[in-house]
PDB file of all heavy atoms in Angstrom:
ATOM      1  N   GLU A   1       3.903  -3.101 -19.162  1.00  0.00           N
ATOM      2  CA  GLU A   1       4.899  -3.917 -19.865  1.00  0.00           C
ATOM      3  C   GLU A   1       4.278  -4.958 -20.818  1.00  0.00           C
ATOM      4  O   GLU A   1       4.757  -5.091 -21.944  1.00  0.00           O
ATOM      5  CB  GLU A   1       5.842  -4.586 -18.855  1.00  0.00           C
ATOM      6  CG  GLU A   1       7.013  -5.301 -19.484  1.00  0.00           C
ATOM      7  CD  GLU A   1       7.962  -4.396 -20.257  1.00  0.00           C
ATOM      8  OE1 GLU A   1       8.155  -3.232 -19.854  1.00  0.00           O
ATOM      9  OE2 GLU A   1       8.516  -4.862 -21.276  1.00  0.00           O
ATOM     10  N   PRO A   2       3.233  -5.692 -20.451  1.00  0.00           N
ATOM     11  CA  PRO A   2       2.663  -6.657 -21.409  1.00  0.00           C
ATOM     12  C   PRO A   2       2.027  -5.984 -22.648  1.00  0.00           C
ATOM     13  O   PRO A   2       1.875  -6.610 -23.681  1.00  0.00           O
ATOM     14  CB  PRO A   2       1.582  -7.389 -20.610  1.00  0.00           C
ATOM     15  CG  PRO A   2       1.845  -7.077 -19.190  1.00  0.00           C
ATOM     16  CD  PRO A   2       2.613  -5.790 -19.137  1.00  0.00           C
ATOM     17  N   HIS A   3       1.692  -4.710 -22.514  1.00  0.00           N
ATOM     18  CA  HIS A   3       0.997  -3.995 -23.589  1.00  0.00           C
ATOM     19  C   HIS A   3       1.924  -3.108 -24.408  1.00  0.00           C
ATOM     20  O   HIS A   3       1.690  -2.891 -25.595  1.00  0.00           O
ATOM     21  CB  HIS A   3      -0.134  -3.148 -23.003  1.00  0.00           C
ATOM     22  CG  HIS A   3      -1.019  -3.923 -22.082  1.00  0.00           C
ATOM     23  ND1 HIS A   3      -1.933  -4.845 -22.534  1.00  0.00           N
ATOM     24  CD2 HIS A   3      -1.101  -3.937 -20.732  1.00  0.00           C
ATOM     25  CE1 HIS A   3      -2.552  -5.394 -21.490  1.00  0.00           C
ATOM     26  NE2 HIS A   3      -2.060  -4.856 -20.391  1.00  0.00           N
ATOM     27  N   ILE A   4       2.940  -2.556 -23.746  1.00  0.00           N
ATOM     28  CA  ILE A   4       3.906  -1.669 -24.404  1.00  0.00           C
ATOM     29  C   ILE A   4       5.281  -2.055 -23.868  1.00  0.00           C
ATOM     30  O   ILE A   4       5.628  -1.709 -22.740  1.00  0.00           O
ATOM     31  CB  ILE A   4       3.629  -0.178 -24.090  1.00  0.00           C
ATOM     32  CG1 ILE A   4       2.180   0.197 -24.386  1.00  0.00           C
ATOM     33  CG2 ILE A   4       4.593   0.709 -24.860  1.00  0.00           C
ATOM     34  CD1 ILE A   4       1.783   1.572 -23.867  1.00  0.00           C
ATOM     35  N   SER A   5       6.054  -2.766 -24.676  1.00  0.00           N
ATOM     36  CA  SER A   5       7.348  -3.258 -24.175  1.00  0.00           C
ATOM     37  C   SER A   5       8.375  -2.126 -24.080  1.00  0.00           C
ATOM     38  O   SER A   5       8.370  -1.186 -24.876  1.00  0.00           O
ATOM     39  CB  SER A   5       7.868  -4.373 -25.070  1.00  0.00           C
ATOM     40  OG  SER A   5       8.007  -3.916 -26.388  1.00  0.00           O
ATOM     41  N   ASN A   6       9.219  -2.241 -23.072  1.00  0.00           N
ATOM     42  CA  ASN A   6      10.331  -1.305 -22.855  1.00  0.00           C
ATOM     43  C   ASN A   6       9.912   0.157 -22.846  1.00  0.00           C
ATOM     44  O   ASN A   6      10.561   0.998 -23.450  1.00  0.00           O
ATOM     45  CB  ASN A   6      11.422  -1.522 -23.917  1.00  0.00           C
ATOM     46  CG  ASN A   6      12.001  -2.906 -23.846  1.00  0.00           C
ATOM     47  OD1 ASN A   6      12.202  -3.449 -22.765  1.00  0.00           O
ATOM     48  ND2 ASN A   6      12.235  -3.508 -25.006  1.00  0.00           N
ATOM     49  N   ILE A   7       8.869   0.469 -22.137  1.00  0.00           N
ATOM     50  CA  ILE A   7       8.409   1.869 -22.085  1.00  0.00           C
ATOM     51  C   ILE A   7       9.176   2.604 -20.982  1.00  0.00           C
ATOM     52  O   ILE A   7       9.263   2.130 -19.852  1.00  0.00           O
ATOM     53  CB  ILE A   7       6.881   1.965 -21.901  1.00  0.00           C
ATOM     54  CG1 ILE A   7       6.432   3.416 -21.971  1.00  0.00           C
ATOM     55  CG2 ILE A   7       6.408   1.271 -20.650  1.00  0.00           C
ATOM     56  CD1 ILE A   7       4.933   3.599 -22.098  1.00  0.00           C
ATOM     57  N   SER A   8       9.731   3.743 -21.334  1.00  0.00           N
ATOM     58  CA  SER A   8      10.486   4.555 -20.379  1.00  0.00           C
ATOM     59  C   SER A   8       9.555   5.576 -19.724  1.00  0.00           C
ATOM     60  O   SER A   8       8.423   5.765 -20.162  1.00  0.00           O
ATOM     61  CB  SER A   8      11.610   5.291 -21.106  1.00  0.00           C
ATOM     62  OG  SER A   8      11.059   6.268 -21.981  1.00  0.00           O
ATOM     63  N   TYR A   9      10.081   6.237 -18.697  1.00  0.00           N
ATOM     64  CA  TYR A   9       9.318   7.296 -18.033  1.00  0.00           C
ATOM     65  C   TYR A   9       8.933   8.382 -19.031  1.00  0.00           C
ATOM     66  O   TYR A   9       7.777   8.810 -19.086  1.00  0.00           O
ATOM     67  CB  TYR A   9      10.131   7.938 -16.897  1.00  0.00           C
ATOM     68  CG  TYR A   9      10.193   7.120 -15.649  1.00  0.00           C
ATOM     69  CD1 TYR A   9      11.215   6.188 -15.457  1.00  0.00           C
ATOM     70  CD2 TYR A   9       9.258   7.278 -14.646  1.00  0.00           C
ATOM     71  CE1 TYR A   9      11.283   5.434 -14.304  1.00  0.00           C
ATOM     72  CE2 TYR A   9       9.318   6.531 -13.491  1.00  0.00           C
ATOM     73  CZ  TYR A   9      10.335   5.609 -13.327  1.00  0.00           C
ATOM     74  OH  TYR A   9      10.397   4.865 -12.186  1.00  0.00           O
ATOM     75  N   ARG A  10       9.913   8.848 -19.786  1.00  0.00           N
ATOM     76  CA  ARG A  10       9.658   9.939 -20.742  1.00  0.00           C
ATOM     77  C   ARG A  10       8.618   9.529 -21.776  1.00  0.00           C
ATOM     78  O   ARG A  10       7.723  10.303 -22.096  1.00  0.00           O
ATOM     79  CB  ARG A  10      10.956  10.353 -21.429  1.00  0.00           C
ATOM     80  CG  ARG A  10      11.899  11.093 -20.488  1.00  0.00           C
ATOM     81  CD  ARG A  10      13.106  11.577 -21.196  1.00  0.00           C
ATOM     82  NE  ARG A  10      12.698  12.523 -22.236  1.00  0.00           N
ATOM     83  CZ  ARG A  10      13.526  13.142 -23.033  1.00  0.00           C
ATOM     84  NH1 ARG A  10      14.802  12.906 -22.961  1.00  0.00           N
ATOM     85  NH2 ARG A  10      13.085  13.988 -23.929  1.00  0.00           N
ATOM     86  N   THR A  11       8.740   8.315 -22.293  1.00  0.00           N
ATOM     87  CA  THR A  11       7.775   7.839 -23.292  1.00  0.00           C
ATOM     88  C   THR A  11       6.384   7.724 -22.662  1.00  0.00           C
ATOM     89  O   THR A  11       5.388   8.114 -23.273  1.00  0.00           O
ATOM     90  CB  THR A  11       8.217   6.485 -23.873  1.00  0.00           C
ATOM     91  OG1 THR A  11       9.504   6.651 -24.468  1.00  0.00           O
ATOM     92  CG2 THR A  11       7.225   5.980 -24.899  1.00  0.00           C
ATOM     93  N   TYR A  12       6.334   7.212 -21.445  1.00  0.00           N
ATOM     94  CA  TYR A  12       5.055   7.094 -20.745  1.00  0.00           C
ATOM     95  C   TYR A  12       4.379   8.463 -20.612  1.00  0.00           C
ATOM     96  O   TYR A  12       3.206   8.624 -20.971  1.00  0.00           O
ATOM     97  CB  TYR A  12       5.238   6.462 -19.362  1.00  0.00           C
ATOM     98  CG  TYR A  12       4.044   6.676 -18.466  1.00  0.00           C
ATOM     99  CD1 TYR A  12       2.848   6.017 -18.706  1.00  0.00           C
ATOM    100  CD2 TYR A  12       4.104   7.570 -17.401  1.00  0.00           C
ATOM    101  CE1 TYR A  12       1.737   6.228 -17.901  1.00  0.00           C
ATOM    102  CE2 TYR A  12       3.008   7.793 -16.585  1.00  0.00           C
ATOM    103  CZ  TYR A  12       1.828   7.120 -16.839  1.00  0.00           C
ATOM    104  OH  TYR A  12       0.729   7.345 -16.052  1.00  0.00           O
ATOM    105  N   TYR A  13       5.098   9.451 -20.114  1.00  0.00           N
ATOM    106  CA  TYR A  13       4.492  10.766 -19.910  1.00  0.00           C
ATOM    107  C   TYR A  13       4.121  11.424 -21.235  1.00  0.00           C
ATOM    108  O   TYR A  13       3.076  12.078 -21.342  1.00  0.00           O
ATOM    109  CB  TYR A  13       5.400  11.676 -19.074  1.00  0.00           C
ATOM    110  CG  TYR A  13       5.358  11.303 -17.606  1.00  0.00           C
ATOM    111  CD1 TYR A  13       6.443  10.699 -16.991  1.00  0.00           C
ATOM    112  CD2 TYR A  13       4.208  11.527 -16.851  1.00  0.00           C
ATOM    113  CE1 TYR A  13       6.392  10.342 -15.650  1.00  0.00           C
ATOM    114  CE2 TYR A  13       4.147  11.168 -15.521  1.00  0.00           C
ATOM    115  CZ  TYR A  13       5.238  10.580 -14.926  1.00  0.00           C
ATOM    116  OH  TYR A  13       5.169  10.218 -13.595  1.00  0.00           O
ATOM    117  N   ARG A  14       4.946  11.229 -22.261  1.00  0.00           N
ATOM    118  CA  ARG A  14       4.634  11.784 -23.576  1.00  0.00           C
ATOM    119  C   ARG A  14       3.375  11.122 -24.143  1.00  0.00           C
ATOM    120  O   ARG A  14       2.463  11.796 -24.619  1.00  0.00           O
ATOM    121  CB  ARG A  14       5.829  11.585 -24.527  1.00  0.00           C
ATOM    122  CG  ARG A  14       5.652  12.199 -25.889  1.00  0.00           C
ATOM    123  CD  ARG A  14       6.900  12.073 -26.771  1.00  0.00           C
ATOM    124  NE  ARG A  14       7.601  10.794 -26.687  1.00  0.00           N
ATOM    125  CZ  ARG A  14       7.224   9.689 -27.329  1.00  0.00           C
ATOM    126  NH1 ARG A  14       6.164   9.692 -28.092  1.00  0.00           N
ATOM    127  NH2 ARG A  14       7.923   8.578 -27.206  1.00  0.00           N
ATOM    128  N   LYS A  15       3.306   9.795 -24.048  1.00  0.00           N
ATOM    129  CA  LYS A  15       2.140   9.073 -24.566  1.00  0.00           C
ATOM    130  C   LYS A  15       0.896   9.337 -23.709  1.00  0.00           C
ATOM    131  O   LYS A  15      -0.214   9.388 -24.235  1.00  0.00           O
ATOM    132  CB  LYS A  15       2.424   7.578 -24.655  1.00  0.00           C
ATOM    133  CG  LYS A  15       3.343   7.216 -25.803  1.00  0.00           C
ATOM    134  CD  LYS A  15       3.508   5.715 -25.917  1.00  0.00           C
ATOM    135  CE  LYS A  15       4.442   5.375 -27.036  1.00  0.00           C
ATOM    136  NZ  LYS A  15       3.743   4.859 -28.195  1.00  0.00           N
ATOM    137  N   ARG A  16       1.085   9.505 -22.412  1.00  0.00           N
ATOM    138  CA  ARG A  16      -0.072   9.812 -21.557  1.00  0.00           C
ATOM    139  C   ARG A  16      -0.663  11.160 -21.954  1.00  0.00           C
ATOM    140  O   ARG A  16      -1.882  11.306 -22.064  1.00  0.00           O
ATOM    141  CB  ARG A  16       0.326   9.819 -20.081  1.00  0.00           C
ATOM    142  CG  ARG A  16      -0.896   9.981 -19.170  1.00  0.00           C
ATOM    143  CD  ARG A  16      -0.529  10.051 -17.731  1.00  0.00           C
ATOM    144  NE  ARG A  16       0.004  11.378 -17.444  1.00  0.00           N
ATOM    145  CZ  ARG A  16       0.361  11.785 -16.238  1.00  0.00           C
ATOM    146  NH1 ARG A  16       0.285  10.967 -15.205  1.00  0.00           N
ATOM    147  NH2 ARG A  16       0.827  13.000 -16.060  1.00  0.00           N
ATOM    148  N   HIS A  17       0.209  12.132 -22.184  1.00  0.00           N
ATOM    149  CA  HIS A  17      -0.263  13.442 -22.629  1.00  0.00           C
ATOM    150  C   HIS A  17      -1.001  13.319 -23.970  1.00  0.00           C
ATOM    151  O   HIS A  17      -2.083  13.888 -24.139  1.00  0.00           O
ATOM    152  CB  HIS A  17       0.911  14.422 -22.742  1.00  0.00           C
ATOM    153  CG  HIS A  17       0.511  15.763 -23.251  1.00  0.00           C
ATOM    154  ND1 HIS A  17      -0.138  16.695 -22.471  1.00  0.00           N
ATOM    155  CD2 HIS A  17       0.627  16.326 -24.484  1.00  0.00           C
ATOM    156  CE1 HIS A  17      -0.393  17.770 -23.197  1.00  0.00           C
ATOM    157  NE2 HIS A  17       0.058  17.565 -24.420  1.00  0.00           N
ATOM    158  N   ALA A  18      -0.429  12.571 -24.900  1.00  0.00           N
ATOM    159  CA  ALA A  18      -1.059  12.385 -26.214  1.00  0.00           C
ATOM    160  C   ALA A  18      -2.397  11.657 -26.081  1.00  0.00           C
ATOM    161  O   ALA A  18      -3.371  11.988 -26.773  1.00  0.00           O
ATOM    162  CB  ALA A  18      -0.122  11.623 -27.148  1.00  0.00           C
ATOM    163  N   ALA A  19      -2.472  10.683 -25.176  1.00  0.00           N
ATOM    164  CA  ALA A  19      -3.722   9.944 -24.960  1.00  0.00           C
ATOM    165  C   ALA A  19      -4.808  10.861 -24.396  1.00  0.00           C
ATOM    166  O   ALA A  19      -5.966  10.807 -24.821  1.00  0.00           O
ATOM    167  CB  ALA A  19      -3.476   8.769 -24.015  1.00  0.00           C
ATOM    168  N   VAL A  20      -4.445  11.707 -23.454  1.00  0.00           N
ATOM    169  CA  VAL A  20      -5.403  12.652 -22.870  1.00  0.00           C
ATOM    170  C   VAL A  20      -5.874  13.638 -23.936  1.00  0.00           C
ATOM    171  O   VAL A  20      -7.068  13.952 -24.022  1.00  0.00           O
ATOM    172  CB  VAL A  20      -4.807  13.375 -21.640  1.00  0.00           C
ATOM    173  CG1 VAL A  20      -5.705  14.510 -21.172  1.00  0.00           C
ATOM    174  CG2 VAL A  20      -4.562  12.387 -20.502  1.00  0.00           C
ATOM    175  N   GLU A  21      -4.955  14.108 -24.766  1.00  0.00           N
ATOM    176  CA  GLU A  21      -5.319  15.028 -25.854  1.00  0.00           C
ATOM    177  C   GLU A  21      -6.259  14.356 -26.853  1.00  0.00           C
ATOM    178  O   GLU A  21      -7.248  14.950 -27.282  1.00  0.00           O
ATOM    179  CB  GLU A  21      -4.072  15.549 -26.573  1.00  0.00           C
ATOM    180  CG  GLU A  21      -3.268  16.530 -25.764  1.00  0.00           C
ATOM    181  CD  GLU A  21      -4.024  17.806 -25.448  1.00  0.00           C
ATOM    182  OE1 GLU A  21      -4.641  18.380 -26.364  1.00  0.00           O
ATOM    183  OE2 GLU A  21      -4.017  18.216 -24.274  1.00  0.00           O
ATOM    184  N   ALA A  22      -5.956  13.111 -27.226  1.00  0.00           N
ATOM    185  CA  ALA A  22      -6.809  12.386 -28.171  1.00  0.00           C
ATOM    186  C   ALA A  22      -8.195  12.161 -27.570  1.00  0.00           C
ATOM    187  O   ALA A  22      -9.219  12.338 -28.249  1.00  0.00           O
ATOM    188  CB  ALA A  22      -6.158  11.056 -28.553  1.00  0.00           C
ATOM    189  N   LEU A  23      -8.246  11.796 -26.304  1.00  0.00           N
ATOM    190  CA  LEU A  23      -9.526  11.605 -25.631  1.00  0.00           C
ATOM    191  C   LEU A  23     -10.287  12.922 -25.536  1.00  0.00           C
ATOM    192  O   LEU A  23     -11.506  12.962 -25.715  1.00  0.00           O
ATOM    193  CB  LEU A  23      -9.308  11.010 -24.238  1.00  0.00           C
ATOM    194  CG  LEU A  23     -10.565  10.731 -23.429  1.00  0.00           C
ATOM    195  CD1 LEU A  23     -11.466   9.717 -24.128  1.00  0.00           C
ATOM    196  CD2 LEU A  23     -10.189  10.237 -22.033  1.00  0.00           C
ATOM    197  N   SER A  24      -9.567  13.993 -25.289  1.00  0.00           N
ATOM    198  CA  SER A  24     -10.181  15.313 -25.189  1.00  0.00           C
ATOM    199  C   SER A  24     -10.897  15.700 -26.482  1.00  0.00           C
ATOM    200  O   SER A  24     -11.996  16.254 -26.449  1.00  0.00           O
ATOM    201  CB  SER A  24      -9.116  16.348 -24.832  1.00  0.00           C
ATOM    202  OG  SER A  24      -9.699  17.583 -24.555  1.00  0.00           O
ATOM    203  N   THR A  25     -10.281  15.395 -27.629  1.00  0.00           N
ATOM    204  CA  THR A  25     -10.947  15.736 -28.898  1.00  0.00           C
ATOM    205  C   THR A  25     -12.204  14.913 -29.102  1.00  0.00           C
ATOM    206  O   THR A  25     -13.157  15.388 -29.711  1.00  0.00           O
ATOM    207  CB  THR A  25      -9.998  15.559 -30.110  1.00  0.00           C
ATOM    208  OG1 THR A  25      -9.575  14.212 -30.197  1.00  0.00           O
ATOM    209  CG2 THR A  25      -8.805  16.487 -30.013  1.00  0.00           C
ATOM    210  N   ILE A  26     -12.229  13.688 -28.575  1.00  0.00           N
ATOM    211  CA  ILE A  26     -13.443  12.875 -28.671  1.00  0.00           C
ATOM    212  C   ILE A  26     -14.521  13.439 -27.747  1.00  0.00           C
ATOM    213  O   ILE A  26     -15.680  13.582 -28.131  1.00  0.00           O
ATOM    214  CB  ILE A  26     -13.155  11.402 -28.331  1.00  0.00           C
ATOM    215  CG1 ILE A  26     -12.249  10.783 -29.390  1.00  0.00           C
ATOM    216  CG2 ILE A  26     -14.460  10.613 -28.214  1.00  0.00           C
ATOM    217  CD1 ILE A  26     -11.697   9.415 -29.025  1.00  0.00           C
TER     218      ILE A  26
END
């Protein structure tokens, strides 16, 4: 919450997937 305001479950899982994908390319 202090870092990403009003984050929902769906947004969290979508962004978590995107974060893992971005990290994977690195």
